[in-house]
Amino acid sequence: MRKPRSDKDWKRVYHSIERVYFVSVALGCCVPDCRDLHGCEGHHIIGGGMGRKSEYVNIIPLCLRHHRQIHGLGKQTFAERHRFDLERAAKRTQGQWEEHGEVYVSQAKDDGRFEEWLNR
């Protein structure tokens, strides 16, 4: 993940390294019927204008295969092909972060998983 130009911009785009970890590790790919539950990447479903990424609330977890596919197909074709609503998926992702993120990340920090992920 390339860090945006300023810490303020990084926080706007990703929120925190803890949230990046949660989306990448805890949630699994949000595409219906995808069986890839690990190794996801956060994908911004909308742009932030002038080549910038949008806010962190517009992120969905996608496995590597689906992340490449959405960039290749475009978001509308991708959503139609997989029959799901990207905006709803982003809201669900944010809700899961708000409900479970702090506890999940705290446990991962306690048992070393978070540090291991940071150092890979």
PDB file of N, CA and C in Angstrom:
ATOM      1  N   MET A   1       0.850  -1.171   0.000  1.00  0.00           N
ATOM      2  CA  MET A   1       0.000   0.000   0.000  1.00  0.00           C
ATOM      3  C   MET A   1       0.896   1.234   0.000  1.00  0.00           C
ATOM      4  N   ARG A   2       0.710   2.086  -0.991  1.00  0.00           N
ATOM      5  CA  ARG A   2       1.477   3.320  -1.059  1.00  0.00           C
ATOM      6  C   ARG A   2       0.831   4.348  -0.153  1.00  0.00           C
ATOM      7  N   LYS A   3       1.632   4.983   0.687  1.00  0.00           N
ATOM      8  CA  LYS A   3       1.105   5.965   1.630  1.00  0.00           C
ATOM      9  C   LYS A   3       0.856   7.295   0.922  1.00  0.00           C
ATOM     10  N   PRO A   4      -0.350   7.878   1.099  1.00  0.00           N
ATOM     11  CA  PRO A   4      -0.614   9.201   0.531  1.00  0.00           C
ATOM     12  C   PRO A   4       0.358  10.249   1.081  1.00  0.00           C
ATOM     13  N   ARG A   5       0.336  11.406   0.507  1.00  0.00           N
ATOM     14  CA  ARG A   5       1.346  12.432   0.773  1.00  0.00           C
ATOM     15  C   ARG A   5       1.433  12.910   2.219  1.00  0.00           C
ATOM     16  N   SER A   6       0.353  12.977   2.933  1.00  0.00           N
ATOM     17  CA  SER A   6       0.400  13.492   4.306  1.00  0.00           C
ATOM     18  C   SER A   6      -0.292  12.526   5.259  1.00  0.00           C
ATOM     19  N   ASP A   7       0.048  12.650   6.543  1.00  0.00           N
ATOM     20  CA  ASP A   7      -0.608  11.813   7.549  1.00  0.00           C
ATOM     21  C   ASP A   7      -2.108  12.085   7.585  1.00  0.00           C
ATOM     22  N   LYS A   8      -2.492  13.344   7.425  1.00  0.00           N
ATOM     23  CA  LYS A   8      -3.916  13.697   7.416  1.00  0.00           C
ATOM     24  C   LYS A   8      -4.625  13.010   6.249  1.00  0.00           C
ATOM     25  N   ASP A   9      -3.999  13.015   5.078  1.00  0.00           N
ATOM     26  CA  ASP A   9      -4.584  12.368   3.913  1.00  0.00           C
ATOM     27  C   ASP A   9      -4.641  10.852   4.117  1.00  0.00           C
ATOM     28  N   TRP A  10      -3.600  10.269   4.712  1.00  0.00           N
ATOM     29  CA  TRP A  10      -3.574   8.830   4.959  1.00  0.00           C
ATOM     30  C   TRP A  10      -4.728   8.438   5.878  1.00  0.00           C
ATOM     31  N   LYS A  11      -4.963   9.221   6.913  1.00  0.00           N
ATOM     32  CA  LYS A  11      -6.071   8.934   7.837  1.00  0.00           C
ATOM     33  C   LYS A  11      -7.421   9.066   7.139  1.00  0.00           C
ATOM     34  N   ARG A  12      -7.549  10.032   6.242  1.00  0.00           N
ATOM     35  CA  ARG A  12      -8.796  10.204   5.492  1.00  0.00           C
ATOM     36  C   ARG A  12      -9.049   9.002   4.584  1.00  0.00           C
ATOM     37  N   VAL A  13      -8.002   8.484   3.984  1.00  0.00           N
ATOM     38  CA  VAL A  13      -8.122   7.409   3.008  1.00  0.00           C
ATOM     39  C   VAL A  13      -8.244   6.038   3.665  1.00  0.00           C
ATOM     40  N   TYR A  14      -7.497   5.802   4.757  1.00  0.00           N
ATOM     41  CA  TYR A  14      -7.447   4.463   5.353  1.00  0.00           C
ATOM     42  C   TYR A  14      -7.918   4.390   6.807  1.00  0.00           C
ATOM     43  N   HIS A  15      -8.044   5.501   7.492  1.00  0.00           N
ATOM     44  CA  HIS A  15      -8.424   5.612   8.900  1.00  0.00           C
ATOM     45  C   HIS A  15      -7.256   5.308   9.819  1.00  0.00           C
ATOM     46  N   SER A  16      -6.776   4.064   9.811  1.00  0.00           N
ATOM     47  CA  SER A  16      -5.664   3.663  10.677  1.00  0.00           C
ATOM     48  C   SER A  16      -5.089   2.355  10.164  1.00  0.00           C
ATOM     49  N   ILE A  17      -3.877   2.052  10.600  1.00  0.00           N
ATOM     50  CA  ILE A  17      -3.273   0.780  10.208  1.00  0.00           C
ATOM     51  C   ILE A  17      -4.071  -0.377  10.810  1.00  0.00           C
ATOM     52  N   GLU A  18      -4.703  -0.144  11.948  1.00  0.00           N
ATOM     53  CA  GLU A  18      -5.543  -1.164  12.567  1.00  0.00           C
ATOM     54  C   GLU A  18      -6.749  -1.489  11.689  1.00  0.00           C
ATOM     55  N   ARG A  19      -7.346  -0.474  11.083  1.00  0.00           N
ATOM     56  CA  ARG A  19      -8.498  -0.713  10.196  1.00  0.00           C
ATOM     57  C   ARG A  19      -8.057  -1.429   8.923  1.00  0.00           C
ATOM     58  N   VAL A  20      -6.899  -1.065   8.398  1.00  0.00           N
ATOM     59  CA  VAL A  20      -6.370  -1.755   7.221  1.00  0.00           C
ATOM     60  C   VAL A  20      -6.181  -3.234   7.556  1.00  0.00           C
ATOM     61  N   TYR A  21      -5.623  -3.519   8.716  1.00  0.00           N
ATOM     62  CA  TYR A  21      -5.425  -4.900   9.150  1.00  0.00           C
ATOM     63  C   TYR A  21      -6.764  -5.628   9.238  1.00  0.00           C
ATOM     64  N   PHE A  22      -7.734  -5.019   9.892  1.00  0.00           N
ATOM     65  CA  PHE A  22      -9.046  -5.635  10.082  1.00  0.00           C
ATOM     66  C   PHE A  22      -9.696  -5.982   8.745  1.00  0.00           C
ATOM     67  N   VAL A  23      -9.713  -5.038   7.817  1.00  0.00           N
ATOM     68  CA  VAL A  23     -10.328  -5.268   6.506  1.00  0.00           C
ATOM     69  C   VAL A  23      -9.573  -6.358   5.742  1.00  0.00           C
ATOM     70  N   SER A  24      -8.259  -6.340   5.839  1.00  0.00           N
ATOM     71  CA  SER A  24      -7.433  -7.286   5.090  1.00  0.00           C
ATOM     72  C   SER A  24      -7.486  -8.703   5.637  1.00  0.00           C
ATOM     73  N   VAL A  25      -7.600  -8.832   6.950  1.00  0.00           N
ATOM     74  CA  VAL A  25      -7.434 -10.134   7.583  1.00  0.00           C
ATOM     75  C   VAL A  25      -8.739 -10.715   8.133  1.00  0.00           C
ATOM     76  N   ALA A  26      -9.570  -9.891   8.716  1.00  0.00           N
ATOM     77  CA  ALA A  26     -10.722 -10.400   9.461  1.00  0.00           C
ATOM     78  C   ALA A  26     -11.951 -10.692   8.616  1.00  0.00           C
ATOM     79  N   LEU A  27     -12.133 -10.002   7.514  1.00  0.00           N
ATOM     80  CA  LEU A  27     -13.433 -10.035   6.859  1.00  0.00           C
ATOM     81  C   LEU A  27     -13.589 -11.040   5.723  1.00  0.00           C
ATOM     82  N   GLY A  28     -12.579 -11.313   4.959  1.00  0.00           N
ATOM     83  CA  GLY A  28     -12.741 -12.170   3.791  1.00  0.00           C
ATOM     84  C   GLY A  28     -13.361 -11.397   2.639  1.00  0.00           C
ATOM     85  N   CYS A  29     -13.247 -11.925   1.457  1.00  0.00           N
ATOM     86  CA  CYS A  29     -13.754 -11.281   0.249  1.00  0.00           C
ATOM     87  C   CYS A  29     -15.272 -11.093   0.346  1.00  0.00           C
ATOM     88  N   CYS A  30     -15.737  -9.897  -0.022  1.00  0.00           N
ATOM     89  CA  CYS A  30     -17.166  -9.595   0.112  1.00  0.00           C
ATOM     90  C   CYS A  30     -17.990 -10.018  -1.102  1.00  0.00           C
ATOM     91  N   VAL A  31     -17.354 -10.574  -2.135  1.00  0.00           N
ATOM     92  CA  VAL A  31     -18.097 -11.021  -3.305  1.00  0.00           C
ATOM     93  C   VAL A  31     -18.902 -12.271  -2.931  1.00  0.00           C
ATOM     94  N   PRO A  32     -20.206 -12.251  -3.200  1.00  0.00           N
ATOM     95  CA  PRO A  32     -21.030 -13.427  -2.873  1.00  0.00           C
ATOM     96  C   PRO A  32     -20.454 -14.698  -3.500  1.00  0.00           C
ATOM     97  N   ASP A  33     -20.473 -15.756  -2.742  1.00  0.00           N
ATOM     98  CA  ASP A  33     -20.000 -17.079  -3.169  1.00  0.00           C
ATOM     99  C   ASP A  33     -18.488 -17.189  -3.355  1.00  0.00           C
ATOM    100  N   CYS A  34     -17.719 -16.148  -3.008  1.00  0.00           N
ATOM    101  CA  CYS A  34     -16.262 -16.274  -3.058  1.00  0.00           C
ATOM    102  C   CYS A  34     -15.832 -17.074  -1.837  1.00  0.00           C
ATOM    103  N   ARG A  35     -14.991 -18.023  -2.045  1.00  0.00           N
ATOM    104  CA  ARG A  35     -14.543 -18.883  -0.958  1.00  0.00           C
ATOM    105  C   ARG A  35     -13.195 -18.457  -0.382  1.00  0.00           C
ATOM    106  N   ASP A  36     -12.627 -17.383  -0.916  1.00  0.00           N
ATOM    107  CA  ASP A  36     -11.330 -16.900  -0.429  1.00  0.00           C
ATOM    108  C   ASP A  36     -11.568 -16.051   0.819  1.00  0.00           C
ATOM    109  N   LEU A  37     -11.237 -16.610   1.962  1.00  0.00           N
ATOM    110  CA  LEU A  37     -11.516 -15.941   3.227  1.00  0.00           C
ATOM    111  C   LEU A  37     -10.298 -15.230   3.808  1.00  0.00           C
ATOM    112  N   HIS A  38      -9.150 -15.363   3.173  1.00  0.00           N
ATOM    113  CA  HIS A  38      -7.937 -14.772   3.732  1.00  0.00           C
ATOM    114  C   HIS A  38      -7.171 -14.030   2.651  1.00  0.00           C
ATOM    115  N   GLY A  39      -6.345 -13.119   3.066  1.00  0.00           N
ATOM    116  CA  GLY A  39      -5.488 -12.425   2.126  1.00  0.00           C
ATOM    117  C   GLY A  39      -6.191 -11.390   1.279  1.00  0.00           C
ATOM    118  N   CYS A  40      -7.144 -10.692   1.865  1.00  0.00           N
ATOM    119  CA  CYS A  40      -7.876  -9.675   1.106  1.00  0.00           C
ATOM    120  C   CYS A  40      -7.121  -8.354   1.076  1.00  0.00           C
ATOM    121  N   GLU A  41      -7.531  -7.513   0.163  1.00  0.00           N
ATOM    122  CA  GLU A  41      -7.035  -6.151   0.053  1.00  0.00           C
ATOM    123  C   GLU A  41      -8.234  -5.224   0.104  1.00  0.00           C
ATOM    124  N   GLY A  42      -8.041  -4.050   0.658  1.00  0.00           N
ATOM    125  CA  GLY A  42      -9.098  -3.056   0.655  1.00  0.00           C
ATOM    126  C   GLY A  42      -9.178  -2.390  -0.710  1.00  0.00           C
ATOM    127  N   HIS A  43     -10.389  -2.236  -1.211  1.00  0.00           N
ATOM    128  CA  HIS A  43     -10.600  -1.571  -2.501  1.00  0.00           C
ATOM    129  C   HIS A  43     -11.548  -0.398  -2.301  1.00  0.00           C
ATOM    130  N   HIS A  44     -11.131   0.794  -2.735  1.00  0.00           N
ATOM    131  CA  HIS A  44     -11.998   1.971  -2.689  1.00  0.00           C
ATOM    132  C   HIS A  44     -13.006   1.864  -3.829  1.00  0.00           C
ATOM    133  N   ILE A  45     -14.287   1.881  -3.491  1.00  0.00           N
ATOM    134  CA  ILE A  45     -15.312   1.695  -4.518  1.00  0.00           C
ATOM    135  C   ILE A  45     -15.600   2.958  -5.310  1.00  0.00           C
ATOM    136  N   ILE A  46     -15.171   4.111  -4.796  1.00  0.00           N
ATOM    137  CA  ILE A  46     -15.314   5.358  -5.550  1.00  0.00           C
ATOM    138  C   ILE A  46     -14.013   6.135  -5.422  1.00  0.00           C
ATOM    139  N   GLY A  47     -13.771   7.008  -6.365  1.00  0.00           N
ATOM    140  CA  GLY A  47     -12.580   7.847  -6.319  1.00  0.00           C
ATOM    141  C   GLY A  47     -12.828   9.083  -5.476  1.00  0.00           C
ATOM    142  N   GLY A  48     -11.753   9.735  -5.127  1.00  0.00           N
ATOM    143  CA  GLY A  48     -11.853  10.951  -4.327  1.00  0.00           C
ATOM    144  C   GLY A  48     -11.740  12.207  -5.158  1.00  0.00           C
ATOM    145  N   GLY A  49     -11.709  12.063  -6.473  1.00  0.00           N
ATOM    146  CA  GLY A  49     -11.594  13.212  -7.359  1.00  0.00           C
ATOM    147  C   GLY A  49     -10.143  13.507  -7.697  1.00  0.00           C
ATOM    148  N   MET A  50      -9.899  13.899  -8.926  1.00  0.00           N
ATOM    149  CA  MET A  50      -8.569  14.275  -9.408  1.00  0.00           C
ATOM    150  C   MET A  50      -7.521  13.210  -9.086  1.00  0.00           C
ATOM    151  N   GLY A  51      -7.861  11.942  -9.285  1.00  0.00           N
ATOM    152  CA  GLY A  51      -6.909  10.860  -9.094  1.00  0.00           C
ATOM    153  C   GLY A  51      -6.668  10.460  -7.644  1.00  0.00           C
ATOM    154  N   ARG A  52      -7.412  11.045  -6.723  1.00  0.00           N
ATOM    155  CA  ARG A  52      -7.227  10.723  -5.308  1.00  0.00           C
ATOM    156  C   ARG A  52      -8.170   9.610  -4.892  1.00  0.00           C
ATOM    157  N   LYS A  53      -7.797   8.915  -3.831  1.00  0.00           N
ATOM    158  CA  LYS A  53      -8.677   7.895  -3.266  1.00  0.00           C
ATOM    159  C   LYS A  53      -9.711   8.578  -2.372  1.00  0.00           C
ATOM    160  N   SER A  54     -10.876   7.948  -2.255  1.00  0.00           N
ATOM    161  CA  SER A  54     -11.924   8.503  -1.410  1.00  0.00           C
ATOM    162  C   SER A  54     -11.696   8.103   0.047  1.00  0.00           C
ATOM    163  N   GLU A  55     -12.631   8.469   0.901  1.00  0.00           N
ATOM    164  CA  GLU A  55     -12.521   8.199   2.324  1.00  0.00           C
ATOM    165  C   GLU A  55     -12.594   6.704   2.617  1.00  0.00           C
ATOM    166  N   TYR A  56     -12.102   6.338   3.784  1.00  0.00           N
ATOM    167  CA  TYR A  56     -12.016   4.942   4.212  1.00  0.00           C
ATOM    168  C   TYR A  56     -13.380   4.261   4.301  1.00  0.00           C
ATOM    169  N   VAL A  57     -14.457   4.989   4.462  1.00  0.00           N
ATOM    170  CA  VAL A  57     -15.782   4.362   4.559  1.00  0.00           C
ATOM    171  C   VAL A  57     -16.242   3.790   3.218  1.00  0.00           C
ATOM    172  N   ASN A  58     -15.480   4.045   2.162  1.00  0.00           N
ATOM    173  CA  ASN A  58     -15.799   3.529   0.827  1.00  0.00           C
ATOM    174  C   ASN A  58     -14.920   2.349   0.441  1.00  0.00           C
ATOM    175  N   ILE A  59     -14.424   1.612   1.429  1.00  0.00           N
ATOM    176  CA  ILE A  59     -13.548   0.471   1.183  1.00  0.00           C
ATOM    177  C   ILE A  59     -14.315  -0.828   1.374  1.00  0.00           C
ATOM    178  N   ILE A  60     -14.042  -1.788   0.471  1.00  0.00           N
ATOM    179  CA  ILE A  60     -14.572  -3.152   0.614  1.00  0.00           C
ATOM    180  C   ILE A  60     -13.398  -4.121   0.562  1.00  0.00           C
ATOM    181  N   PRO A  61     -13.502  -5.269   1.249  1.00  0.00           N
ATOM    182  CA  PRO A  61     -12.442  -6.271   1.151  1.00  0.00           C
ATOM    183  C   PRO A  61     -12.650  -7.154  -0.079  1.00  0.00           C
ATOM    184  N   LEU A  62     -11.600  -7.304  -0.874  1.00  0.00           N
ATOM    185  CA  LEU A  62     -11.641  -8.174  -2.038  1.00  0.00           C
ATOM    186  C   LEU A  62     -10.418  -9.086  -2.022  1.00  0.00           C
ATOM    187  N   CYS A  63     -10.622 -10.343  -2.390  1.00  0.00           N
ATOM    188  CA  CYS A  63      -9.487 -11.246  -2.562  1.00  0.00           C
ATOM    189  C   CYS A  63      -8.670 -10.731  -3.745  1.00  0.00           C
ATOM    190  N   LEU A  64      -7.471 -11.233  -3.890  1.00  0.00           N
ATOM    191  CA  LEU A  64      -6.589 -10.749  -4.953  1.00  0.00           C
ATOM    192  C   LEU A  64      -7.205 -10.924  -6.341  1.00  0.00           C
ATOM    193  N   ARG A  65      -7.854 -12.065  -6.571  1.00  0.00           N
ATOM    194  CA  ARG A  65      -8.473 -12.330  -7.882  1.00  0.00           C
ATOM    195  C   ARG A  65      -9.569 -11.318  -8.178  1.00  0.00           C
ATOM    196  N   HIS A  66     -10.464 -11.070  -7.219  1.00  0.00           N
ATOM    197  CA  HIS A  66     -11.553 -10.126  -7.454  1.00  0.00           C
ATOM    198  C   HIS A  66     -11.057  -8.679  -7.486  1.00  0.00           C
ATOM    199  N   HIS A  67      -9.985  -8.373  -6.758  1.00  0.00           N
ATOM    200  CA  HIS A  67      -9.439  -7.027  -6.806  1.00  0.00           C
ATOM    201  C   HIS A  67      -8.891  -6.732  -8.206  1.00  0.00           C
ATOM    202  N   ARG A  68      -8.183  -7.677  -8.781  1.00  0.00           N
ATOM    203  CA  ARG A  68      -7.706  -7.496 -10.159  1.00  0.00           C
ATOM    204  C   ARG A  68      -8.887  -7.388 -11.116  1.00  0.00           C
ATOM    205  N   GLN A  69      -9.907  -8.206 -10.878  1.00  0.00           N
ATOM    206  CA  GLN A  69     -11.062  -8.236 -11.775  1.00  0.00           C
ATOM    207  C   GLN A  69     -11.821  -6.908 -11.764  1.00  0.00           C
ATOM    208  N   ILE A  70     -12.031  -6.303 -10.595  1.00  0.00           N
ATOM    209  CA  ILE A  70     -12.786  -5.044 -10.552  1.00  0.00           C
ATOM    210  C   ILE A  70     -12.037  -3.937 -11.285  1.00  0.00           C
ATOM    211  N   HIS A  71     -10.703  -3.958 -11.197  1.00  0.00           N
ATOM    212  CA  HIS A  71      -9.923  -2.957 -11.926  1.00  0.00           C
ATOM    213  C   HIS A  71      -9.992  -3.206 -13.433  1.00  0.00           C
ATOM    214  N   GLY A  72     -10.066  -4.448 -13.824  1.00  0.00           N
ATOM    215  CA  GLY A  72     -10.140  -4.775 -15.244  1.00  0.00           C
ATOM    216  C   GLY A  72     -11.506  -4.521 -15.864  1.00  0.00           C
ATOM    217  N   LEU A  73     -12.557  -4.848 -15.127  1.00  0.00           N
ATOM    218  CA  LEU A  73     -13.922  -4.730 -15.651  1.00  0.00           C
ATOM    219  C   LEU A  73     -14.542  -3.359 -15.432  1.00  0.00           C
ATOM    220  N   GLY A  74     -14.134  -2.686 -14.403  1.00  0.00           N
ATOM    221  CA  GLY A  74     -14.814  -1.479 -13.962  1.00  0.00           C
ATOM    222  C   GLY A  74     -15.856  -1.855 -12.926  1.00  0.00           C
ATOM    223  N   LYS A  75     -16.173  -0.912 -12.047  1.00  0.00           N
ATOM    224  CA  LYS A  75     -17.029  -1.263 -10.902  1.00  0.00           C
ATOM    225  C   LYS A  75     -18.453  -1.637 -11.308  1.00  0.00           C
ATOM    226  N   GLN A  76     -19.031  -0.980 -12.295  1.00  0.00           N
ATOM    227  CA  GLN A  76     -20.416  -1.283 -12.670  1.00  0.00           C
ATOM    228  C   GLN A  76     -20.535  -2.690 -13.259  1.00  0.00           C
ATOM    229  N   THR A  77     -19.666  -3.021 -14.202  1.00  0.00           N
ATOM    230  CA  THR A  77     -19.692  -4.349 -14.807  1.00  0.00           C
ATOM    231  C   THR A  77     -19.390  -5.417 -13.762  1.00  0.00           C
ATOM    232  N   PHE A  78     -18.426  -5.144 -12.892  1.00  0.00           N
ATOM    233  CA  PHE A  78     -18.068  -6.073 -11.829  1.00  0.00           C
ATOM    234  C   PHE A  78     -19.272  -6.339 -10.914  1.00  0.00           C
ATOM    235  N   ALA A  79     -19.937  -5.274 -10.474  1.00  0.00           N
ATOM    236  CA  ALA A  79     -21.104  -5.414  -9.589  1.00  0.00           C
ATOM    237  C   ALA A  79     -22.236  -6.169 -10.284  1.00  0.00           C
ATOM    238  N   GLU A  80     -22.471  -5.893 -11.552  1.00  0.00           N
ATOM    239  CA  GLU A  80     -23.515  -6.600 -12.306  1.00  0.00           C
ATOM    240  C   GLU A  80     -23.169  -8.078 -12.460  1.00  0.00           C
ATOM    241  N   ARG A  81     -21.920  -8.355 -12.786  1.00  0.00           N
ATOM    242  CA  ARG A  81     -21.494  -9.749 -12.982  1.00  0.00           C
ATOM    243  C   ARG A  81     -21.664 -10.565 -11.697  1.00  0.00           C
ATOM    244  N   HIS A  82     -21.352  -9.967 -10.559  1.00  0.00           N
ATOM    245  CA  HIS A  82     -21.416 -10.689  -9.289  1.00  0.00           C
ATOM    246  C   HIS A  82     -22.720 -10.443  -8.525  1.00  0.00           C
ATOM    247  N   ARG A  83     -23.574  -9.624  -9.098  1.00  0.00           N
ATOM    248  CA  ARG A  83     -24.904  -9.355  -8.544  1.00  0.00           C
ATOM    249  C   ARG A  83     -24.870  -8.906  -7.083  1.00  0.00           C
ATOM    250  N   PHE A  84     -24.118  -7.847  -6.844  1.00  0.00           N
ATOM    251  CA  PHE A  84     -24.164  -7.267  -5.503  1.00  0.00           C
ATOM    252  C   PHE A  84     -23.887  -5.775  -5.553  1.00  0.00           C
ATOM    253  N   ASP A  85     -24.288  -5.102  -4.505  1.00  0.00           N
ATOM    254  CA  ASP A  85     -24.246  -3.653  -4.401  1.00  0.00           C
ATOM    255  C   ASP A  85     -22.960  -3.245  -3.679  1.00  0.00           C
ATOM    256  N   LEU A  86     -22.084  -2.544  -4.374  1.00  0.00           N
ATOM    257  CA  LEU A  86     -20.806  -2.139  -3.799  1.00  0.00           C
ATOM    258  C   LEU A  86     -20.985  -1.177  -2.629  1.00  0.00           C
ATOM    259  N   GLU A  87     -21.922  -0.251  -2.748  1.00  0.00           N
ATOM    260  CA  GLU A  87     -22.146   0.711  -1.670  1.00  0.00           C
ATOM    261  C   GLU A  87     -22.649   0.006  -0.403  1.00  0.00           C
ATOM    262  N   ARG A  88     -23.525  -0.944  -0.575  1.00  0.00           N
ATOM    263  CA  ARG A  88     -24.018  -1.711   0.573  1.00  0.00           C
ATOM    264  C   ARG A  88     -22.871  -2.503   1.217  1.00  0.00           C
ATOM    265  N   ALA A  89     -21.997  -3.055   0.395  1.00  0.00           N
ATOM    266  CA  ALA A  89     -20.843  -3.798   0.908  1.00  0.00           C
ATOM    267  C   ALA A  89     -19.917  -2.877   1.698  1.00  0.00           C
ATOM    268  N   ALA A  90     -19.727  -1.642   1.228  1.00  0.00           N
ATOM    269  CA  ALA A  90     -18.884  -0.682   1.951  1.00  0.00           C
ATOM    270  C   ALA A  90     -19.508  -0.310   3.296  1.00  0.00           C
ATOM    271  N   LYS A  91     -20.823  -0.123   3.318  1.00  0.00           N
ATOM    272  CA  LYS A  91     -21.504   0.182   4.584  1.00  0.00           C
ATOM    273  C   LYS A  91     -21.410  -0.991   5.550  1.00  0.00           C
ATOM    274  N   ARG A  92     -21.526  -2.200   5.027  1.00  0.00           N
ATOM    275  CA  ARG A  92     -21.403  -3.394   5.867  1.00  0.00           C
ATOM    276  C   ARG A  92     -19.980  -3.499   6.433  1.00  0.00           C
ATOM    277  N   THR A  93     -18.990  -3.217   5.593  1.00  0.00           N
ATOM    278  CA  THR A  93     -17.596  -3.246   6.036  1.00  0.00           C
ATOM    279  C   THR A  93     -17.375  -2.243   7.161  1.00  0.00           C
ATOM    280  N   GLN A  94     -17.883  -1.026   6.993  1.00  0.00           N
ATOM    281  CA  GLN A  94     -17.739  -0.003   8.031  1.00  0.00           C
ATOM    282  C   GLN A  94     -18.457  -0.422   9.312  1.00  0.00           C
ATOM    283  N   GLY A  95     -19.645  -0.997   9.180  1.00  0.00           N
ATOM    284  CA  GLY A  95     -20.387  -1.465  10.354  1.00  0.00           C
ATOM    285  C   GLY A  95     -19.644  -2.566  11.094  1.00  0.00           C
ATOM    286  N   GLN A  96     -19.028  -3.469  10.360  1.00  0.00           N
ATOM    287  CA  GLN A  96     -18.258  -4.541  10.993  1.00  0.00           C
ATOM    288  C   GLN A  96     -17.049  -3.969  11.722  1.00  0.00           C
ATOM    289  N   TRP A  97     -16.403  -2.973  11.121  1.00  0.00           N
ATOM    290  CA  TRP A  97     -15.279  -2.311  11.787  1.00  0.00           C
ATOM    291  C   TRP A  97     -15.747  -1.668  13.099  1.00  0.00           C
ATOM    292  N   GLU A  98     -16.847  -0.938  13.039  1.00  0.00           N
ATOM    293  CA  GLU A  98     -17.345  -0.253  14.232  1.00  0.00           C
ATOM    294  C   GLU A  98     -17.757  -1.239  15.325  1.00  0.00           C
ATOM    295  N   GLU A  99     -18.312  -2.369  14.930  1.00  0.00           N
ATOM    296  CA  GLU A  99     -18.811  -3.336  15.902  1.00  0.00           C
ATOM    297  C   GLU A  99     -17.723  -4.265  16.451  1.00  0.00           C
ATOM    298  N   HIS A 100     -16.816  -4.702  15.592  1.00  0.00           N
ATOM    299  CA  HIS A 100     -15.868  -5.746  15.996  1.00  0.00           C
ATOM    300  C   HIS A 100     -14.397  -5.350  15.903  1.00  0.00           C
ATOM    301  N   GLY A 101     -14.093  -4.273  15.212  1.00  0.00           N
ATOM    302  CA  GLY A 101     -12.703  -3.951  14.889  1.00  0.00           C
ATOM    303  C   GLY A 101     -11.785  -3.798  16.080  1.00  0.00           C
ATOM    304  N   GLU A 102     -12.205  -3.030  17.054  1.00  0.00           N
ATOM    305  CA  GLU A 102     -11.338  -2.758  18.205  1.00  0.00           C
ATOM    306  C   GLU A 102     -10.966  -4.035  18.952  1.00  0.00           C
ATOM    307  N   VAL A 103     -11.939  -4.888  19.210  1.00  0.00           N
ATOM    308  CA  VAL A 103     -11.684  -6.138  19.933  1.00  0.00           C
ATOM    309  C   VAL A 103     -10.810  -7.067  19.096  1.00  0.00           C
ATOM    310  N   TYR A 104     -11.128  -7.191  17.820  1.00  0.00           N
ATOM    311  CA  TYR A 104     -10.362  -8.079  16.945  1.00  0.00           C
ATOM    312  C   TYR A 104      -8.892  -7.659  16.893  1.00  0.00           C
ATOM    313  N   VAL A 105      -8.656  -6.374  16.689  1.00  0.00           N
ATOM    314  CA  VAL A 105      -7.285  -5.879  16.582  1.00  0.00           C
ATOM    315  C   VAL A 105      -6.574  -5.994  17.927  1.00  0.00           C
ATOM    316  N   SER A 106      -7.266  -5.726  19.004  1.00  0.00           N
ATOM    317  CA  SER A 106      -6.664  -5.853  20.334  1.00  0.00           C
ATOM    318  C   SER A 106      -6.187  -7.281  20.592  1.00  0.00           C
ATOM    319  N   GLN A 107      -7.018  -8.249  20.240  1.00  0.00           N
ATOM    320  CA  GLN A 107      -6.620  -9.654  20.403  1.00  0.00           C
ATOM    321  C   GLN A 107      -5.430  -9.989  19.507  1.00  0.00           C
ATOM    322  N   ALA A 108      -5.432  -9.466  18.286  1.00  0.00           N
ATOM    323  CA  ALA A 108      -4.328  -9.725  17.362  1.00  0.00           C
ATOM    324  C   ALA A 108      -3.032  -9.094  17.866  1.00  0.00           C
ATOM    325  N   LYS A 109      -3.125  -7.954  18.498  1.00  0.00           N
ATOM    326  CA  LYS A 109      -1.933  -7.326  19.084  1.00  0.00           C
ATOM    327  C   LYS A 109      -1.434  -8.149  20.271  1.00  0.00           C
ATOM    328  N   ASP A 110      -2.358  -8.640  21.089  1.00  0.00           N
ATOM    329  CA  ASP A 110      -1.984  -9.435  22.269  1.00  0.00           C
ATOM    330  C   ASP A 110      -1.286 -10.736  21.899  1.00  0.00           C
ATOM    331  N   ASP A 111      -1.741 -11.396  20.839  1.00  0.00           N
ATOM    332  CA  ASP A 111      -1.159 -12.702  20.499  1.00  0.00           C
ATOM    333  C   ASP A 111      -0.092 -12.634  19.396  1.00  0.00           C
ATOM    334  N   GLY A 112       0.242 -11.439  18.944  1.00  0.00           N
ATOM    335  CA  GLY A 112       1.345 -11.269  18.000  1.00  0.00           C
ATOM    336  C   GLY A 112       0.978 -11.296  16.531  1.00  0.00           C
ATOM    337  N   ARG A 113      -0.292 -11.594  16.195  1.00  0.00           N
ATOM    338  CA  ARG A 113      -0.684 -11.649  14.782  1.00  0.00           C
ATOM    339  C   ARG A 113      -0.555 -10.300  14.094  1.00  0.00           C
ATOM    340  N   PHE A 114      -0.902  -9.235  14.800  1.00  0.00           N
ATOM    341  CA  PHE A 114      -0.842  -7.894  14.217  1.00  0.00           C
ATOM    342  C   PHE A 114       0.608  -7.527  13.891  1.00  0.00           C
ATOM    343  N   GLU A 115       1.503  -7.750  14.815  1.00  0.00           N
ATOM    344  CA  GLU A 115       2.920  -7.447  14.607  1.00  0.00           C
ATOM    345  C   GLU A 115       3.490  -8.286  13.460  1.00  0.00           C
ATOM    346  N   GLU A 116       3.107  -9.543  13.416  1.00  0.00           N
ATOM    347  CA  GLU A 116       3.552 -10.439  12.335  1.00  0.00           C
ATOM    348  C   GLU A 116       3.089  -9.901  10.982  1.00  0.00           C
ATOM    349  N   TRP A 117       1.841  -9.459  10.919  1.00  0.00           N
ATOM    350  CA  TRP A 117       1.287  -8.904   9.677  1.00  0.00           C
ATOM    351  C   TRP A 117       2.039  -7.630   9.280  1.00  0.00           C
ATOM    352  N   LEU A 118       2.343  -6.785  10.257  1.00  0.00           N
ATOM    353  CA  LEU A 118       3.065  -5.547   9.969  1.00  0.00           C
ATOM    354  C   LEU A 118       4.452  -5.815   9.376  1.00  0.00           C
ATOM    355  N   ASN A 119       5.074  -6.874   9.826  1.00  0.00           N
ATOM    356  CA  ASN A 119       6.450  -7.164   9.436  1.00  0.00           C
ATOM    357  C   ASN A 119       6.592  -8.057   8.206  1.00  0.00           C
ATOM    358  N   ARG A 120       5.481  -8.446   7.605  1.00  0.00           N
ATOM    359  CA  ARG A 120       5.597  -9.327   6.434  1.00  0.00           C
ATOM    360  C   ARG A 120       5.948  -8.561   5.194  1.00  0.00           C
TER     361      ARG A 120
END
